[in-house]
Amino acid sequence: PKLKRAVERYQTTYEGDGQFGLHEIRPLYSDLGLDDENGKYPLHACDQKHVFVHLIKKASQSNNNLQKVAIINAVAEAIGRGGEAKFQTFRDWLFDYLWNVTNTPWKEKKTIQGYAMPRVADEKWYADWYFIMGMYGMCEKGLYRTPQQKSAGLDQVVFPLLHQMKDERASTMVTETIRSALPAEVMNFFSAKSLRQAGINQAALHPSMTLFYLSAISGHDIDSSTQYYFDPTDVGRGLPTINALHGKVDLKTPVAVPTLEALGAGDLNSALKLMDQVLWVGICTLLRRLSLHHC
C-alpha cells in the first residue's frame, strides 16, 4: 500500500510525465541539420523536418497526410501531449493585433487547464505554422466539412481526423505517424512524447529562458503560488518560449507577420492575381514548390 501511494503521488506531481529509470523515448527536434549518409547514421534522419517531408511526398487526397503534418506541428509548437490537438476549434482562434500573433488557445486533457497559445511564422517552411495550416487547408480541403461531419457537430473542429477515435487513440495515432516516417531500426525511440521533450529541451537551452516563460507554454507546475495569479488568456506571456523555439537570440523579439505590402497601396489587381495563384494549389504543385517531387 505504501508503494502504491508513493507511485500515485509521483504520477500526480509530475502530471503523468514521470518516468522511472532512463528515458527510452528521445526528443524529436524540428531540424537536426544532419546527413544520415544514405542510412549509415539513421538517428541523423530523426527530426520533424524528415517526418514532414516523408508525409508530404506520400500525400494524397485520401490519406490525410497533410492534416497529420498540421497535427504534429500544432502539438510540437505547443509543447503539448499527442492527443491534445483534438481539442483545437476554430471558434477559439483569434488574431491578436497587440502581439501580431494568432492565438489558438490550448487545452490540456490531464490537468483540465487551458491557456493562450501564440502561433508565428518562420523562414523555414517546416517550422512555419501559417504555411503548414495553409497547406492543409488548400491542398487537402482542410476547411471543408461533410454534411455528416456538420451534423455530428464537427464543423468548427480543426482536426476532424482525431474525432474519429478516442482521446487515447489520438495520441497513439501521432506516435504511429511519426514512426512510419523514421528509419525502422530507430523508430521505437520516438513517440508523441518526443515532441514535448524536444520543445522543453530546446527552450531550456536558451540562456535567457526561465521557468516562468517555459511554463506559459508547457503548462507545467512551477511549485510557486505565483502561478495562480498569472492570466492564462495573456497570449504575450508565451512569446518568449515561442521565440526560443524559433531560434531567436532575443526572447523579446517583436513578431513579424506575412503581409502584401510589397504590392503597393491600392494595387487591387496584383493582389487578386496573387490570391488566385495561391488558392489553387494541388498536392503536385505543392511538391514542386517545395522541390520534393515533380508530378
C-alpha atoms as a PDB file:
ATOM      1  CA  PRO A   1       0.000   0.000   0.000  1.00  0.00           C
ATOM      2  CA  LYS A   2       2.819   2.458   0.785  1.00  0.00           C
ATOM      3  CA  LEU A   3       4.453   1.848  -2.595  1.00  0.00           C
ATOM      4  CA  LYS A   4       1.104   2.306  -4.331  1.00  0.00           C
ATOM      5  CA  ARG A   5       0.524   5.640  -2.595  1.00  0.00           C
ATOM      6  CA  ALA A   6       4.074   6.765  -3.396  1.00  0.00           C
ATOM      7  CA  VAL A   7       3.636   5.918  -7.081  1.00  0.00           C
ATOM      8  CA  GLU A   8       0.267   7.710  -7.199  1.00  0.00           C
ATOM      9  CA  ARG A   9       1.812  10.811  -5.610  1.00  0.00           C
ATOM     10  CA  TYR A  10       4.683  10.637  -8.082  1.00  0.00           C
ATOM     11  CA  GLN A  11       2.346  10.468 -11.050  1.00  0.00           C
ATOM     12  CA  THR A  12       0.145  13.244  -9.676  1.00  0.00           C
ATOM     13  CA  THR A  13       3.138  15.505  -9.000  1.00  0.00           C
ATOM     14  CA  TYR A  14       4.564  15.062 -12.481  1.00  0.00           C
ATOM     15  CA  GLU A  15       1.188  15.127 -14.275  1.00  0.00           C
ATOM     16  CA  GLY A  16       1.687  11.703 -15.809  1.00  0.00           C
ATOM     17  CA  ASP A  17       5.061  12.630 -17.304  1.00  0.00           C
ATOM     18  CA  GLY A  18       7.081  10.913 -14.585  1.00  0.00           C
ATOM     19  CA  GLN A  19       9.254   8.001 -15.615  1.00  0.00           C
ATOM     20  CA  PHE A  20      11.426   5.639 -13.600  1.00  0.00           C
ATOM     21  CA  GLY A  21      14.967   4.993 -14.792  1.00  0.00           C
ATOM     22  CA  LEU A  22      16.462   6.192 -18.067  1.00  0.00           C
ATOM     23  CA  HIS A  23      14.261   7.628 -20.802  1.00  0.00           C
ATOM     24  CA  GLU A  24      13.732   5.238 -23.681  1.00  0.00           C
ATOM     25  CA  ILE A  25      11.935   7.886 -25.700  1.00  0.00           C
ATOM     26  CA  ARG A  26      14.105  10.585 -27.296  1.00  0.00           C
ATOM     27  CA  PRO A  27      13.271  14.167 -28.315  1.00  0.00           C
ATOM     28  CA  LEU A  28      12.184  14.801 -31.913  1.00  0.00           C
ATOM     29  CA  TYR A  29      13.622  18.228 -32.703  1.00  0.00           C
ATOM     30  CA  SER A  30      12.482  20.458 -35.545  1.00  0.00           C
ATOM     31  CA  ASP A  31      15.634  20.116 -37.641  1.00  0.00           C
ATOM     32  CA  LEU A  32      18.912  18.462 -36.671  1.00  0.00           C
ATOM     33  CA  GLY A  33      20.595  19.690 -39.829  1.00  0.00           C
ATOM     34  CA  LEU A  34      22.436  16.376 -40.190  1.00  0.00           C
ATOM     35  CA  ASP A  35      23.006  13.953 -43.058  1.00  0.00           C
ATOM     36  CA  ASP A  36      22.309  10.277 -42.401  1.00  0.00           C
ATOM     37  CA  GLU A  37      24.773   9.391 -45.199  1.00  0.00           C
ATOM     38  CA  ASN A  38      22.405   7.038 -47.001  1.00  0.00           C
ATOM     39  CA  GLY A  39      21.287   5.269 -43.856  1.00  0.00           C
ATOM     40  CA  LYS A  40      24.676   4.920 -42.183  1.00  0.00           C
ATOM     41  CA  TYR A  41      23.550   7.118 -39.295  1.00  0.00           C
ATOM     42  CA  PRO A  42      19.767   6.615 -39.016  1.00  0.00           C
ATOM     43  CA  LEU A  43      19.353   8.855 -35.965  1.00  0.00           C
ATOM     44  CA  HIS A  44      20.521  11.793 -38.089  1.00  0.00           C
ATOM     45  CA  ALA A  45      17.249  11.492 -40.027  1.00  0.00           C
ATOM     46  CA  CYS A  46      15.086  11.657 -36.915  1.00  0.00           C
ATOM     47  CA  ASP A  47      13.609  15.128 -36.765  1.00  0.00           C
ATOM     48  CA  GLN A  48      10.315  16.813 -37.581  1.00  0.00           C
ATOM     49  CA  LYS A  49      11.566  18.019 -40.956  1.00  0.00           C
ATOM     50  CA  HIS A  50      12.237  14.457 -42.131  1.00  0.00           C
ATOM     51  CA  VAL A  51       8.827  13.337 -40.844  1.00  0.00           C
ATOM     52  CA  PHE A  52       7.069  16.171 -42.682  1.00  0.00           C
ATOM     53  CA  VAL A  53       8.964  15.600 -45.941  1.00  0.00           C
ATOM     54  CA  HIS A  54       8.095  11.885 -45.826  1.00  0.00           C
ATOM     55  CA  LEU A  55       4.397  12.561 -45.204  1.00  0.00           C
ATOM     56  CA  ILE A  56       4.140  15.267 -47.878  1.00  0.00           C
ATOM     57  CA  LYS A  57       5.849  13.120 -50.511  1.00  0.00           C
ATOM     58  CA  LYS A  58       3.291  10.378 -49.893  1.00  0.00           C
ATOM     59  CA  ALA A  59       0.303  12.731 -49.567  1.00  0.00           C
ATOM     60  CA  SER A  60      -2.893  12.100 -51.494  1.00  0.00           C
ATOM     61  CA  GLN A  61      -6.434  13.404 -51.285  1.00  0.00           C
ATOM     62  CA  SER A  62      -7.460  10.376 -49.236  1.00  0.00           C
ATOM     63  CA  ASN A  63      -4.724   9.605 -46.681  1.00  0.00           C
ATOM     64  CA  ASN A  64      -4.920  12.788 -44.546  1.00  0.00           C
ATOM     65  CA  ASN A  65      -1.129  13.188 -44.564  1.00  0.00           C
ATOM     66  CA  LEU A  66      -1.239  16.982 -44.647  1.00  0.00           C
ATOM     67  CA  GLN A  67      -3.657  17.013 -41.727  1.00  0.00           C
ATOM     68  CA  LYS A  68      -1.216  14.760 -39.855  1.00  0.00           C
ATOM     69  CA  VAL A  69       1.620  17.204 -40.576  1.00  0.00           C
ATOM     70  CA  ALA A  70      -0.524  20.034 -39.193  1.00  0.00           C
ATOM     71  CA  ILE A  71      -1.381  17.996 -36.079  1.00  0.00           C
ATOM     72  CA  ILE A  72       2.262  17.183 -35.327  1.00  0.00           C
ATOM     73  CA  ASN A  73       3.293  20.798 -35.889  1.00  0.00           C
ATOM     74  CA  ALA A  74       0.490  22.068 -33.652  1.00  0.00           C
ATOM     75  CA  VAL A  75       1.491  19.707 -30.825  1.00  0.00           C
ATOM     76  CA  ALA A  76       5.215  20.415 -31.174  1.00  0.00           C
ATOM     77  CA  GLU A  77       4.808  24.200 -31.180  1.00  0.00           C
ATOM     78  CA  ALA A  78       2.532  23.997 -28.139  1.00  0.00           C
ATOM     79  CA  ILE A  79       4.932  21.633 -26.311  1.00  0.00           C
ATOM     80  CA  GLY A  80       1.773  19.599 -25.849  1.00  0.00           C
ATOM     81  CA  ARG A  81       0.759  15.994 -25.420  1.00  0.00           C
ATOM     82  CA  GLY A  82      -0.062  13.980 -28.506  1.00  0.00           C
ATOM     83  CA  GLY A  83      -3.839  13.824 -28.268  1.00  0.00           C
ATOM     84  CA  GLU A  84      -4.418  17.426 -27.167  1.00  0.00           C
ATOM     85  CA  ALA A  85      -4.650  18.731 -30.727  1.00  0.00           C
ATOM     86  CA  LYS A  86      -8.073  17.076 -30.759  1.00  0.00           C
ATOM     87  CA  PHE A  87      -9.463  19.958 -28.688  1.00  0.00           C
ATOM     88  CA  GLN A  88      -8.482  22.680 -31.193  1.00  0.00           C
ATOM     89  CA  THR A  89     -11.546  24.534 -32.513  1.00  0.00           C
ATOM     90  CA  PHE A  90     -11.771  27.460 -34.918  1.00  0.00           C
ATOM     91  CA  ARG A  91     -14.265  29.225 -32.668  1.00  0.00           C
ATOM     92  CA  ASP A  92     -11.489  29.706 -30.077  1.00  0.00           C
ATOM     93  CA  TRP A  93      -8.966  31.160 -32.511  1.00  0.00           C
ATOM     94  CA  LEU A  94      -8.360  34.877 -32.919  1.00  0.00           C
ATOM     95  CA  PHE A  95      -5.664  37.221 -34.173  1.00  0.00           C
ATOM     96  CA  ASP A  96      -4.072  39.405 -31.511  1.00  0.00           C
ATOM     97  CA  TYR A  97      -3.143  42.760 -33.031  1.00  0.00           C
ATOM     98  CA  LEU A  98      -1.129  43.823 -29.986  1.00  0.00           C
ATOM     99  CA  TRP A  99       1.327  40.934 -30.277  1.00  0.00           C
ATOM    100  CA  ASN A 100       0.885  40.175 -34.008  1.00  0.00           C
ATOM    101  CA  VAL A 101       0.168  36.510 -33.382  1.00  0.00           C
ATOM    102  CA  THR A 102      -2.661  34.091 -33.988  1.00  0.00           C
ATOM    103  CA  ASN A 103      -3.890  32.869 -30.618  1.00  0.00           C
ATOM    104  CA  THR A 104      -5.031  29.225 -30.685  1.00  0.00           C
ATOM    105  CA  PRO A 105      -5.858  28.505 -27.000  1.00  0.00           C
ATOM    106  CA  TRP A 106      -4.528  25.129 -25.878  1.00  0.00           C
ATOM    107  CA  LYS A 107      -6.428  22.739 -23.634  1.00  0.00           C
ATOM    108  CA  GLU A 108      -4.764  20.050 -21.532  1.00  0.00           C
ATOM    109  CA  LYS A 109      -6.702  16.846 -21.020  1.00  0.00           C
ATOM    110  CA  LYS A 110      -4.803  15.580 -17.955  1.00  0.00           C
ATOM    111  CA  THR A 111      -4.786  18.799 -15.945  1.00  0.00           C
ATOM    112  CA  ILE A 112      -8.033  20.277 -17.345  1.00  0.00           C
ATOM    113  CA  GLN A 113      -6.181  23.553 -17.897  1.00  0.00           C
ATOM    114  CA  GLY A 114      -6.365  25.964 -20.786  1.00  0.00           C
ATOM    115  CA  TYR A 115      -4.148  28.852 -21.776  1.00  0.00           C
ATOM    116  CA  ALA A 116      -3.309  31.149 -24.669  1.00  0.00           C
ATOM    117  CA  MET A 117      -1.077  29.742 -27.423  1.00  0.00           C
ATOM    118  CA  PRO A 118       0.701  32.150 -29.819  1.00  0.00           C
ATOM    119  CA  ARG A 119       1.421  30.975 -33.364  1.00  0.00           C
ATOM    120  CA  VAL A 120       4.073  32.640 -35.518  1.00  0.00           C
ATOM    121  CA  ALA A 121       5.639  32.446 -38.970  1.00  0.00           C
ATOM    122  CA  ASP A 122       9.147  31.186 -39.727  1.00  0.00           C
ATOM    123  CA  GLU A 123      11.543  31.428 -42.666  1.00  0.00           C
ATOM    124  CA  LYS A 124      11.721  27.630 -42.753  1.00  0.00           C
ATOM    125  CA  TRP A 125       8.564  26.118 -44.229  1.00  0.00           C
ATOM    126  CA  TYR A 126       8.596  23.075 -41.913  1.00  0.00           C
ATOM    127  CA  ALA A 127       8.570  25.367 -38.852  1.00  0.00           C
ATOM    128  CA  ASP A 128       6.032  27.882 -40.196  1.00  0.00           C
ATOM    129  CA  TRP A 129       2.613  27.364 -38.615  1.00  0.00           C
ATOM    130  CA  TYR A 130       0.905  29.604 -41.207  1.00  0.00           C
ATOM    131  CA  PHE A 131       2.425  27.705 -44.113  1.00  0.00           C
ATOM    132  CA  ILE A 132       1.559  24.303 -42.678  1.00  0.00           C
ATOM    133  CA  MET A 133      -2.040  25.266 -41.870  1.00  0.00           C
ATOM    134  CA  GLY A 134      -2.355  26.843 -45.334  1.00  0.00           C
ATOM    135  CA  MET A 135      -1.011  23.666 -46.930  1.00  0.00           C
ATOM    136  CA  TYR A 136      -3.544  21.585 -45.011  1.00  0.00           C
ATOM    137  CA  GLY A 137      -6.385  23.976 -45.793  1.00  0.00           C
ATOM    138  CA  MET A 138      -5.730  24.463 -49.517  1.00  0.00           C
ATOM    139  CA  CYS A 139      -4.251  21.167 -50.678  1.00  0.00           C
ATOM    140  CA  GLU A 140      -6.345  18.768 -48.602  1.00  0.00           C
ATOM    141  CA  LYS A 141      -9.584  20.725 -48.200  1.00  0.00           C
ATOM    142  CA  GLY A 142      -8.796  21.251 -44.537  1.00  0.00           C
ATOM    143  CA  LEU A 143     -11.655  23.737 -44.138  1.00  0.00           C
ATOM    144  CA  TYR A 144     -14.281  21.542 -45.778  1.00  0.00           C
ATOM    145  CA  ARG A 145     -16.662  19.531 -43.615  1.00  0.00           C
ATOM    146  CA  THR A 146     -19.034  16.926 -44.991  1.00  0.00           C
ATOM    147  CA  PRO A 147     -22.746  17.085 -44.154  1.00  0.00           C
ATOM    148  CA  GLN A 148     -22.162  14.123 -41.832  1.00  0.00           C
ATOM    149  CA  GLN A 149     -19.387  15.946 -40.006  1.00  0.00           C
ATOM    150  CA  LYS A 150     -21.547  19.031 -39.656  1.00  0.00           C
ATOM    151  CA  SER A 151     -24.457  17.057 -38.258  1.00  0.00           C
ATOM    152  CA  ALA A 152     -22.021  15.497 -35.763  1.00  0.00           C
ATOM    153  CA  GLY A 153     -21.017  18.972 -34.570  1.00  0.00           C
ATOM    154  CA  LEU A 154     -17.568  18.892 -36.171  1.00  0.00           C
ATOM    155  CA  ASP A 155     -17.922  21.974 -38.359  1.00  0.00           C
ATOM    156  CA  GLN A 156     -15.667  24.052 -36.074  1.00  0.00           C
ATOM    157  CA  VAL A 157     -13.058  21.433 -35.139  1.00  0.00           C
ATOM    158  CA  VAL A 158      -9.629  21.977 -36.687  1.00  0.00           C
ATOM    159  CA  PHE A 159      -8.610  18.326 -36.999  1.00  0.00           C
ATOM    160  CA  PRO A 160     -11.658  16.127 -37.712  1.00  0.00           C
ATOM    161  CA  LEU A 161      -9.393  13.096 -38.173  1.00  0.00           C
ATOM    162  CA  LEU A 162      -8.821  12.999 -34.403  1.00  0.00           C
ATOM    163  CA  HIS A 163     -12.561  12.914 -33.740  1.00  0.00           C
ATOM    164  CA  GLN A 164     -12.833   9.536 -35.420  1.00  0.00           C
ATOM    165  CA  MET A 165     -11.071   7.988 -32.417  1.00  0.00           C
ATOM    166  CA  LYS A 166     -10.934   8.048 -28.627  1.00  0.00           C
ATOM    167  CA  ASP A 167      -8.656  10.547 -26.878  1.00  0.00           C
ATOM    168  CA  GLU A 168      -6.072   7.896 -26.017  1.00  0.00           C
ATOM    169  CA  ARG A 169      -6.058   6.609 -29.593  1.00  0.00           C
ATOM    170  CA  ALA A 170      -5.372  10.164 -30.862  1.00  0.00           C
ATOM    171  CA  SER A 171      -2.008  10.196 -29.122  1.00  0.00           C
ATOM    172  CA  THR A 172      -1.240   6.713 -30.433  1.00  0.00           C
ATOM    173  CA  MET A 173      -2.027   7.887 -33.961  1.00  0.00           C
ATOM    174  CA  VAL A 174       0.552  10.675 -33.600  1.00  0.00           C
ATOM    175  CA  THR A 175       3.126   8.131 -32.418  1.00  0.00           C
ATOM    176  CA  GLU A 176       2.369   5.762 -35.310  1.00  0.00           C
ATOM    177  CA  THR A 177       2.578   8.613 -37.827  1.00  0.00           C
ATOM    178  CA  ILE A 178       5.975   9.733 -36.513  1.00  0.00           C
ATOM    179  CA  ARG A 179       7.368   6.200 -36.518  1.00  0.00           C
ATOM    180  CA  SER A 180       6.104   5.499 -40.030  1.00  0.00           C
ATOM    181  CA  ALA A 181       8.403   8.243 -41.329  1.00  0.00           C
ATOM    182  CA  LEU A 182      11.575   7.237 -39.460  1.00  0.00           C
ATOM    183  CA  PRO A 183      14.181   4.521 -40.118  1.00  0.00           C
ATOM    184  CA  ALA A 184      12.874   1.169 -38.879  1.00  0.00           C
ATOM    185  CA  GLU A 185      15.898   0.389 -36.709  1.00  0.00           C
ATOM    186  CA  VAL A 186      15.426   3.503 -34.535  1.00  0.00           C
ATOM    187  CA  MET A 187      11.747   4.403 -34.891  1.00  0.00           C
ATOM    188  CA  ASN A 188      10.788   2.975 -31.482  1.00  0.00           C
ATOM    189  CA  PHE A 189      12.981   5.572 -29.790  1.00  0.00           C
ATOM    190  CA  PHE A 190      10.378   8.175 -30.755  1.00  0.00           C
ATOM    191  CA  SER A 191       6.713   8.777 -29.936  1.00  0.00           C
ATOM    192  CA  ALA A 192       4.213  11.600 -29.477  1.00  0.00           C
ATOM    193  CA  LYS A 193       6.009  12.349 -26.210  1.00  0.00           C
ATOM    194  CA  SER A 194       9.149  13.133 -28.243  1.00  0.00           C
ATOM    195  CA  LEU A 195       7.529  16.377 -29.410  1.00  0.00           C
ATOM    196  CA  ARG A 196       7.010  17.592 -25.844  1.00  0.00           C
ATOM    197  CA  GLN A 197      10.517  16.535 -24.854  1.00  0.00           C
ATOM    198  CA  ALA A 198      12.040  18.381 -27.807  1.00  0.00           C
ATOM    199  CA  GLY A 199      10.196  21.611 -27.089  1.00  0.00           C
ATOM    200  CA  ILE A 200      11.144  21.648 -23.423  1.00  0.00           C
ATOM    201  CA  ASN A 201      14.788  20.806 -24.105  1.00  0.00           C
ATOM    202  CA  GLN A 202      15.173  23.272 -26.961  1.00  0.00           C
ATOM    203  CA  ALA A 203      13.596  26.107 -24.989  1.00  0.00           C
ATOM    204  CA  ALA A 204      15.616  25.264 -21.871  1.00  0.00           C
ATOM    205  CA  LEU A 205      18.876  25.580 -23.819  1.00  0.00           C
ATOM    206  CA  HIS A 206      18.277  29.288 -24.434  1.00  0.00           C
ATOM    207  CA  PRO A 207      20.432  31.297 -21.990  1.00  0.00           C
ATOM    208  CA  SER A 208      17.580  33.707 -21.224  1.00  0.00           C
ATOM    209  CA  MET A 209      14.929  31.056 -20.615  1.00  0.00           C
ATOM    210  CA  THR A 210      13.166  30.922 -17.244  1.00  0.00           C
ATOM    211  CA  LEU A 211      10.640  28.535 -15.733  1.00  0.00           C
ATOM    212  CA  PHE A 212       8.074  31.334 -15.815  1.00  0.00           C
ATOM    213  CA  TYR A 213       8.489  31.673 -19.585  1.00  0.00           C
ATOM    214  CA  LEU A 214       8.557  27.925 -20.242  1.00  0.00           C
ATOM    215  CA  SER A 215       5.541  27.066 -18.093  1.00  0.00           C
ATOM    216  CA  ALA A 216       3.431  29.575 -20.024  1.00  0.00           C
ATOM    217  CA  ILE A 217       3.571  27.179 -22.992  1.00  0.00           C
ATOM    218  CA  SER A 218       4.251  23.773 -21.440  1.00  0.00           C
ATOM    219  CA  GLY A 219       1.649  24.194 -18.680  1.00  0.00           C
ATOM    220  CA  HIS A 220       3.903  22.673 -16.030  1.00  0.00           C
ATOM    221  CA  ASP A 221       3.524  23.429 -12.329  1.00  0.00           C
ATOM    222  CA  ILE A 222       6.429  25.660 -11.212  1.00  0.00           C
ATOM    223  CA  ASP A 223       5.915  24.998  -7.487  1.00  0.00           C
ATOM    224  CA  SER A 224       5.126  28.610  -6.723  1.00  0.00           C
ATOM    225  CA  SER A 225       1.866  30.219  -5.628  1.00  0.00           C
ATOM    226  CA  THR A 226       2.728  32.998  -8.105  1.00  0.00           C
ATOM    227  CA  GLN A 227       1.438  30.875 -10.950  1.00  0.00           C
ATOM    228  CA  TYR A 228      -2.116  31.065  -9.633  1.00  0.00           C
ATOM    229  CA  TYR A 229      -2.116  34.807 -10.344  1.00  0.00           C
ATOM    230  CA  PHE A 230      -0.974  34.551 -13.953  1.00  0.00           C
ATOM    231  CA  ASP A 231      -3.504  35.480 -16.627  1.00  0.00           C
ATOM    232  CA  PRO A 232      -3.945  32.327 -18.745  1.00  0.00           C
ATOM    233  CA  THR A 233      -5.531  34.389 -21.537  1.00  0.00           C
ATOM    234  CA  ASP A 234      -2.466  36.635 -21.977  1.00  0.00           C
ATOM    235  CA  VAL A 235      -1.006  35.420 -25.278  1.00  0.00           C
ATOM    236  CA  GLY A 236       2.077  37.614 -24.857  1.00  0.00           C
ATOM    237  CA  ARG A 237       3.256  35.616 -21.859  1.00  0.00           C
ATOM    238  CA  GLY A 238       4.099  32.631 -24.063  1.00  0.00           C
ATOM    239  CA  LEU A 239       6.013  34.576 -26.715  1.00  0.00           C
ATOM    240  CA  PRO A 240       9.480  34.277 -25.118  1.00  0.00           C
ATOM    241  CA  THR A 241       9.272  30.481 -25.277  1.00  0.00           C
ATOM    242  CA  ILE A 242       7.893  30.538 -28.829  1.00  0.00           C
ATOM    243  CA  ASN A 243      10.766  32.823 -29.862  1.00  0.00           C
ATOM    244  CA  ALA A 244      13.205  30.367 -28.287  1.00  0.00           C
ATOM    245  CA  LEU A 245      11.683  27.500 -30.289  1.00  0.00           C
ATOM    246  CA  HIS A 246      12.163  29.546 -33.461  1.00  0.00           C
ATOM    247  CA  GLY A 247      15.802  30.292 -32.760  1.00  0.00           C
ATOM    248  CA  LYS A 248      15.523  33.954 -31.802  1.00  0.00           C
ATOM    249  CA  VAL A 249      18.517  35.318 -29.901  1.00  0.00           C
ATOM    250  CA  ASP A 250      16.352  37.881 -28.112  1.00  0.00           C
ATOM    251  CA  LEU A 251      13.299  36.316 -26.474  1.00  0.00           C
ATOM    252  CA  LYS A 252      11.501  39.661 -26.694  1.00  0.00           C
ATOM    253  CA  THR A 253      11.911  39.898 -30.477  1.00  0.00           C
ATOM    254  CA  PRO A 254       8.748  41.500 -31.975  1.00  0.00           C
ATOM    255  CA  VAL A 255       6.720  39.151 -34.158  1.00  0.00           C
ATOM    256  CA  ALA A 256       6.524  39.869 -37.891  1.00  0.00           C
ATOM    257  CA  VAL A 257       3.540  38.563 -39.852  1.00  0.00           C
ATOM    258  CA  PRO A 258       3.267  37.945 -43.615  1.00  0.00           C
ATOM    259  CA  THR A 259       1.731  40.912 -45.457  1.00  0.00           C
ATOM    260  CA  LEU A 260       1.030  42.067 -49.027  1.00  0.00           C
ATOM    261  CA  GLU A 261       2.657  45.483 -48.505  1.00  0.00           C
ATOM    262  CA  ALA A 262       5.209  44.751 -51.225  1.00  0.00           C
ATOM    263  CA  LEU A 263       2.436  45.008 -53.815  1.00  0.00           C
ATOM    264  CA  GLY A 264       1.929  48.665 -53.022  1.00  0.00           C
ATOM    265  CA  ALA A 265      -1.113  50.505 -51.766  1.00  0.00           C
ATOM    266  CA  GLY A 266      -4.254  50.239 -53.871  1.00  0.00           C
ATOM    267  CA  ASP A 267      -2.906  47.634 -56.298  1.00  0.00           C
ATOM    268  CA  LEU A 268      -6.041  45.507 -56.185  1.00  0.00           C
ATOM    269  CA  ASN A 269      -5.408  43.688 -59.494  1.00  0.00           C
ATOM    270  CA  SER A 270      -1.998  42.412 -58.411  1.00  0.00           C
ATOM    271  CA  ALA A 271      -3.433  41.291 -55.087  1.00  0.00           C
ATOM    272  CA  LEU A 272      -6.245  39.380 -56.798  1.00  0.00           C
ATOM    273  CA  LYS A 273      -3.827  37.725 -59.234  1.00  0.00           C
ATOM    274  CA  LEU A 274      -1.612  36.661 -56.354  1.00  0.00           C
ATOM    275  CA  MET A 275      -4.529  35.208 -54.391  1.00  0.00           C
ATOM    276  CA  ASP A 276      -5.736  33.397 -57.495  1.00  0.00           C
ATOM    277  CA  GLN A 277      -2.359  31.656 -57.760  1.00  0.00           C
ATOM    278  CA  VAL A 278      -2.181  30.907 -54.068  1.00  0.00           C
ATOM    279  CA  LEU A 279      -5.632  29.444 -53.624  1.00  0.00           C
ATOM    280  CA  TRP A 280      -5.426  26.979 -56.484  1.00  0.00           C
ATOM    281  CA  VAL A 281      -2.711  24.684 -55.221  1.00  0.00           C
ATOM    282  CA  GLY A 282      -2.862  20.920 -55.628  1.00  0.00           C
ATOM    283  CA  ILE A 283      -0.579  18.407 -53.978  1.00  0.00           C
ATOM    284  CA  CYS A 284       1.577  18.062 -57.109  1.00  0.00           C
ATOM    285  CA  THR A 285       2.087  21.831 -57.259  1.00  0.00           C
ATOM    286  CA  LEU A 286       2.960  21.837 -53.561  1.00  0.00           C
ATOM    287  CA  LEU A 287       5.593  19.120 -54.059  1.00  0.00           C
ATOM    288  CA  ARG A 288       7.183  21.037 -56.939  1.00  0.00           C
ATOM    289  CA  ARG A 289       7.298  24.289 -54.994  1.00  0.00           C
ATOM    290  CA  LEU A 290       8.997  22.546 -52.076  1.00  0.00           C
ATOM    291  CA  SER A 291      11.397  20.852 -54.509  1.00  0.00           C
ATOM    292  CA  LEU A 292      10.324  17.458 -53.180  1.00  0.00           C
ATOM    293  CA  HIS A 293       8.934  15.864 -56.329  1.00  0.00           C
ATOM    294  CA  HIS A 294       7.866  16.530 -59.907  1.00  0.00           C
ATOM    295  CA  CYS A 295       4.464  15.052 -60.755  1.00  0.00           C
END
